Amino acid sequence: MFTTLQVYEEHVPHIADSLPRYEKKTKPFVLTRSYCSSYQRYAAALTANNNSAWDYLQISYPLCSSIVVAEMSFCGAVVDRFTGNLTYELYQRWYQGVAWRPFFRAHTHQYYERRKLYLYAEDVQV
């Protein structure tokens, strides 16, 4: 379990090392799952791994809301994580739900069916 100081000391040097590669007006994009207070200056937060189930979709809303209350405004969720095969309706609801968040990531494990939106039926894509 990371303490706040360990998380801070782990990520801030990474950002400082990346800065010379960029112009002074831009910062590197850092996405993390471990964050602490005042970390919103350095990175965006991503919720932990989830499964392809209705209860994970439901809990992703309060999870991101609590992170936003802690002043980490750039919070996102992982759509259809690694385990389980989605139904069309659940897949559609995931995309509808995360469309209102500042960030989301869609990926899956190699042993499950491919989950790209354009591979699904046309009624799911709408």
Foldseek 3Di string as FASTA:
>chain_A
DDDQVRVVVVQPVVFVVCVVVDDPVDGDEDEDCDHDQPCLVPYAYEHDFDALDPVRLVVVVVVLVVVVVSVRQQYEYEQHEEDDDHDLVSNLVSCVSRVPHNDYHYDYDPVYDDDDLVVDDPVSND
